[in-house]
Amino acid sequence: MDFDIHQLDGVDPGSDKAEAAFGKYQDELIERFVDSPEGRARIEVAPELGYWAAQLIYYGWGYIGVTLPRMTVKDVEEIVTELFPRKISLPSRFGIEIPRENRTAV
C-alpha cells in the first residue's frame, strides 16, 4: 500500500479527527522509515530509532503548523533548537542523536 505523505495537509491539528489521523500517519511513517535501508542502518547504532523523528513530526505539526513534506530547514531548526529544549528534557547524550536521526528521516 502506498503512503500519502501529504495526508495531514489541510487537517486542522485542533480538529476532532486530528489525533487519530496524526497517530496513524506518524506510526506508519516511522514504521516505513525503520524498514528502509537508511532506517535499518541507523537502528544498528541507535536502537531507540524513531523517537526523535516522531517528535519532529509532532512538534512541527502541532506547534508551528507545518507538515513533514512542507518543512523547511528553518522549520527544522526552530523545532530542534527552540521547541525541543523548551518542551523536552534532553539528557546530554541525546544532544547529538537528535540532528542525526532527523537528518536521516527528513
C-alpha atoms as a PDB file:
ATOM      1  CA  MET A   1       0.000   0.000   0.000  1.00  0.00           C
ATOM      2  CA  ASP A   2       1.288   3.457  -0.887  1.00  0.00           C
ATOM      3  CA  PHE A   3       1.817   6.050   1.806  1.00  0.00           C
ATOM      4  CA  ASP A   4       0.489   9.555   1.158  1.00  0.00           C
ATOM      5  CA  ILE A   5       2.983  11.843   2.875  1.00  0.00           C
ATOM      6  CA  HIS A   6       0.580  14.758   2.302  1.00  0.00           C
ATOM      7  CA  GLN A   7      -2.391  13.194   4.121  1.00  0.00           C
ATOM      8  CA  LEU A   8      -2.173  15.671   7.029  1.00  0.00           C
ATOM      9  CA  ASP A   9      -2.119  18.698   4.738  1.00  0.00           C
ATOM     10  CA  GLY A  10      -5.369  20.534   5.319  1.00  0.00           C
ATOM     11  CA  VAL A  11      -6.194  18.715   8.580  1.00  0.00           C
ATOM     12  CA  ASP A  12      -6.552  21.181  11.450  1.00  0.00           C
ATOM     13  CA  PRO A  13      -4.386  19.970  14.398  1.00  0.00           C
ATOM     14  CA  GLY A  14      -7.202  21.062  16.739  1.00  0.00           C
ATOM     15  CA  SER A  15      -9.993  19.171  14.957  1.00  0.00           C
ATOM     16  CA  ASP A  16     -11.782  16.080  16.268  1.00  0.00           C
ATOM     17  CA  LYS A  17     -10.222  13.775  13.676  1.00  0.00           C
ATOM     18  CA  ALA A  18      -6.716  15.212  14.056  1.00  0.00           C
ATOM     19  CA  GLU A  19      -5.466  12.976  16.870  1.00  0.00           C
ATOM     20  CA  ALA A  20      -6.415   9.718  15.175  1.00  0.00           C
ATOM     21  CA  ALA A  21      -5.202  10.899  11.765  1.00  0.00           C
ATOM     22  CA  PHE A  22      -1.921  12.090  13.225  1.00  0.00           C
ATOM     23  CA  GLY A  23      -1.313   8.890  15.197  1.00  0.00           C
ATOM     24  CA  LYS A  24      -1.879   6.713  12.155  1.00  0.00           C
ATOM     25  CA  TYR A  25       0.292   8.973   9.968  1.00  0.00           C
ATOM     26  CA  GLN A  26       3.154   9.101  12.455  1.00  0.00           C
ATOM     27  CA  ASP A  27       3.122   5.364  13.194  1.00  0.00           C
ATOM     28  CA  GLU A  28       3.113   4.368   9.533  1.00  0.00           C
ATOM     29  CA  LEU A  29       5.784   6.877   8.572  1.00  0.00           C
ATOM     30  CA  ILE A  30       8.109   5.764  11.389  1.00  0.00           C
ATOM     31  CA  GLU A  31       7.464   2.105  10.535  1.00  0.00           C
ATOM     32  CA  ARG A  32       8.349   2.728   6.898  1.00  0.00           C
ATOM     33  CA  PHE A  33      11.498   4.587   7.902  1.00  0.00           C
ATOM     34  CA  VAL A  34      12.591   1.779  10.240  1.00  0.00           C
ATOM     35  CA  ASP A  35      12.014  -0.708   7.409  1.00  0.00           C
ATOM     36  CA  SER A  36      14.042   1.343   4.910  1.00  0.00           C
ATOM     37  CA  PRO A  37      17.741   0.709   4.195  1.00  0.00           C
ATOM     38  CA  GLU A  38      18.585   4.003   5.955  1.00  0.00           C
ATOM     39  CA  GLY A  39      16.474   3.066   8.960  1.00  0.00           C
ATOM     40  CA  ARG A  40      17.947  -0.430   9.228  1.00  0.00           C
ATOM     41  CA  ALA A  41      21.468   1.011   9.096  1.00  0.00           C
ATOM     42  CA  ARG A  42      20.611   3.626  11.707  1.00  0.00           C
ATOM     43  CA  ILE A  43      18.915   1.199  14.103  1.00  0.00           C
ATOM     44  CA  GLU A  44      22.202  -0.653  14.497  1.00  0.00           C
ATOM     45  CA  VAL A  45      23.719   2.400  16.218  1.00  0.00           C
ATOM     46  CA  ALA A  46      20.524   3.873  17.687  1.00  0.00           C
ATOM     47  CA  PRO A  47      18.116   1.182  18.946  1.00  0.00           C
ATOM     48  CA  GLU A  48      15.659   3.880  20.095  1.00  0.00           C
ATOM     49  CA  LEU A  49      15.215   4.856  16.445  1.00  0.00           C
ATOM     50  CA  GLY A  50      12.027   6.683  15.650  1.00  0.00           C
ATOM     51  CA  TYR A  51      11.571   8.648  18.850  1.00  0.00           C
ATOM     52  CA  TRP A  52      13.198  11.853  17.637  1.00  0.00           C
ATOM     53  CA  ALA A  53      11.678  11.662  14.169  1.00  0.00           C
ATOM     54  CA  ALA A  54       8.272  11.259  15.824  1.00  0.00           C
ATOM     55  CA  GLN A  55       8.951  14.319  17.968  1.00  0.00           C
ATOM     56  CA  LEU A  56      10.000  16.323  14.920  1.00  0.00           C
ATOM     57  CA  ILE A  57       6.743  15.446  13.150  1.00  0.00           C
ATOM     58  CA  TYR A  58       4.639  16.097  16.260  1.00  0.00           C
ATOM     59  CA  TYR A  59       6.131  19.466  17.162  1.00  0.00           C
ATOM     60  CA  GLY A  60       6.188  20.621  13.559  1.00  0.00           C
ATOM     61  CA  TRP A  61       2.520  19.920  13.015  1.00  0.00           C
ATOM     62  CA  GLY A  62       1.179  20.667  16.475  1.00  0.00           C
ATOM     63  CA  TYR A  63       3.220  23.748  17.365  1.00  0.00           C
ATOM     64  CA  ILE A  64       4.181  25.527  14.165  1.00  0.00           C
ATOM     65  CA  GLY A  65       1.534  24.082  11.838  1.00  0.00           C
ATOM     66  CA  VAL A  66       3.840  22.552   9.252  1.00  0.00           C
ATOM     67  CA  THR A  67       3.553  19.024   7.933  1.00  0.00           C
ATOM     68  CA  LEU A  68       6.610  16.936   7.172  1.00  0.00           C
ATOM     69  CA  PRO A  69       6.639  17.418   3.379  1.00  0.00           C
ATOM     70  CA  ARG A  70       6.312  21.175   3.847  1.00  0.00           C
ATOM     71  CA  MET A  71       9.057  21.516   6.472  1.00  0.00           C
ATOM     72  CA  THR A  72      11.885  23.780   5.548  1.00  0.00           C
ATOM     73  CA  VAL A  73      15.377  23.820   7.006  1.00  0.00           C
ATOM     74  CA  LYS A  74      14.271  26.866   9.020  1.00  0.00           C
ATOM     75  CA  ASP A  75      11.302  24.913  10.434  1.00  0.00           C
ATOM     76  CA  VAL A  76      13.536  22.008  11.474  1.00  0.00           C
ATOM     77  CA  GLU A  77      15.999  24.420  13.084  1.00  0.00           C
ATOM     78  CA  GLU A  78      13.160  26.072  15.031  1.00  0.00           C
ATOM     79  CA  ILE A  79      11.855  22.734  16.247  1.00  0.00           C
ATOM     80  CA  VAL A  80      15.261  21.338  17.214  1.00  0.00           C
ATOM     81  CA  THR A  81      16.829  24.480  18.668  1.00  0.00           C
ATOM     82  CA  GLU A  82      13.806  26.232  20.194  1.00  0.00           C
ATOM     83  CA  LEU A  83      10.933  23.830  20.808  1.00  0.00           C
ATOM     84  CA  PHE A  84      12.832  20.701  21.847  1.00  0.00           C
ATOM     85  CA  PRO A  85      14.855  22.471  24.558  1.00  0.00           C
ATOM     86  CA  ARG A  86      11.712  24.137  25.943  1.00  0.00           C
ATOM     87  CA  LYS A  87       9.383  21.156  25.719  1.00  0.00           C
ATOM     88  CA  ILE A  88      11.529  18.024  26.099  1.00  0.00           C
ATOM     89  CA  SER A  89      14.011  17.183  28.830  1.00  0.00           C
ATOM     90  CA  LEU A  90      17.139  16.271  26.912  1.00  0.00           C
ATOM     91  CA  PRO A  91      19.801  14.158  28.556  1.00  0.00           C
ATOM     92  CA  SER A  92      23.162  15.380  27.303  1.00  0.00           C
ATOM     93  CA  ARG A  93      23.906  12.161  25.417  1.00  0.00           C
ATOM     94  CA  PHE A  94      20.897  12.763  23.161  1.00  0.00           C
ATOM     95  CA  GLY A  95      22.055  16.206  22.102  1.00  0.00           C
ATOM     96  CA  ILE A  96      23.945  14.718  19.175  1.00  0.00           C
ATOM     97  CA  GLU A  97      21.407  11.999  18.364  1.00  0.00           C
ATOM     98  CA  ILE A  98      18.539  14.398  17.562  1.00  0.00           C
ATOM     99  CA  PRO A  99      20.061  16.020  14.469  1.00  0.00           C
ATOM    100  CA  ARG A 100      21.494  12.722  13.191  1.00  0.00           C
ATOM    101  CA  GLU A 101      18.180  10.874  13.275  1.00  0.00           C
ATOM    102  CA  ASN A 102      16.141  13.756  11.912  1.00  0.00           C
ATOM    103  CA  ARG A 103      18.643  14.469   9.150  1.00  0.00           C
ATOM    104  CA  THR A 104      18.238  10.840   8.061  1.00  0.00           C
ATOM    105  CA  ALA A 105      14.440  10.889   8.409  1.00  0.00           C
ATOM    106  CA  VAL A 106      13.812  14.168   6.628  1.00  0.00           C
END
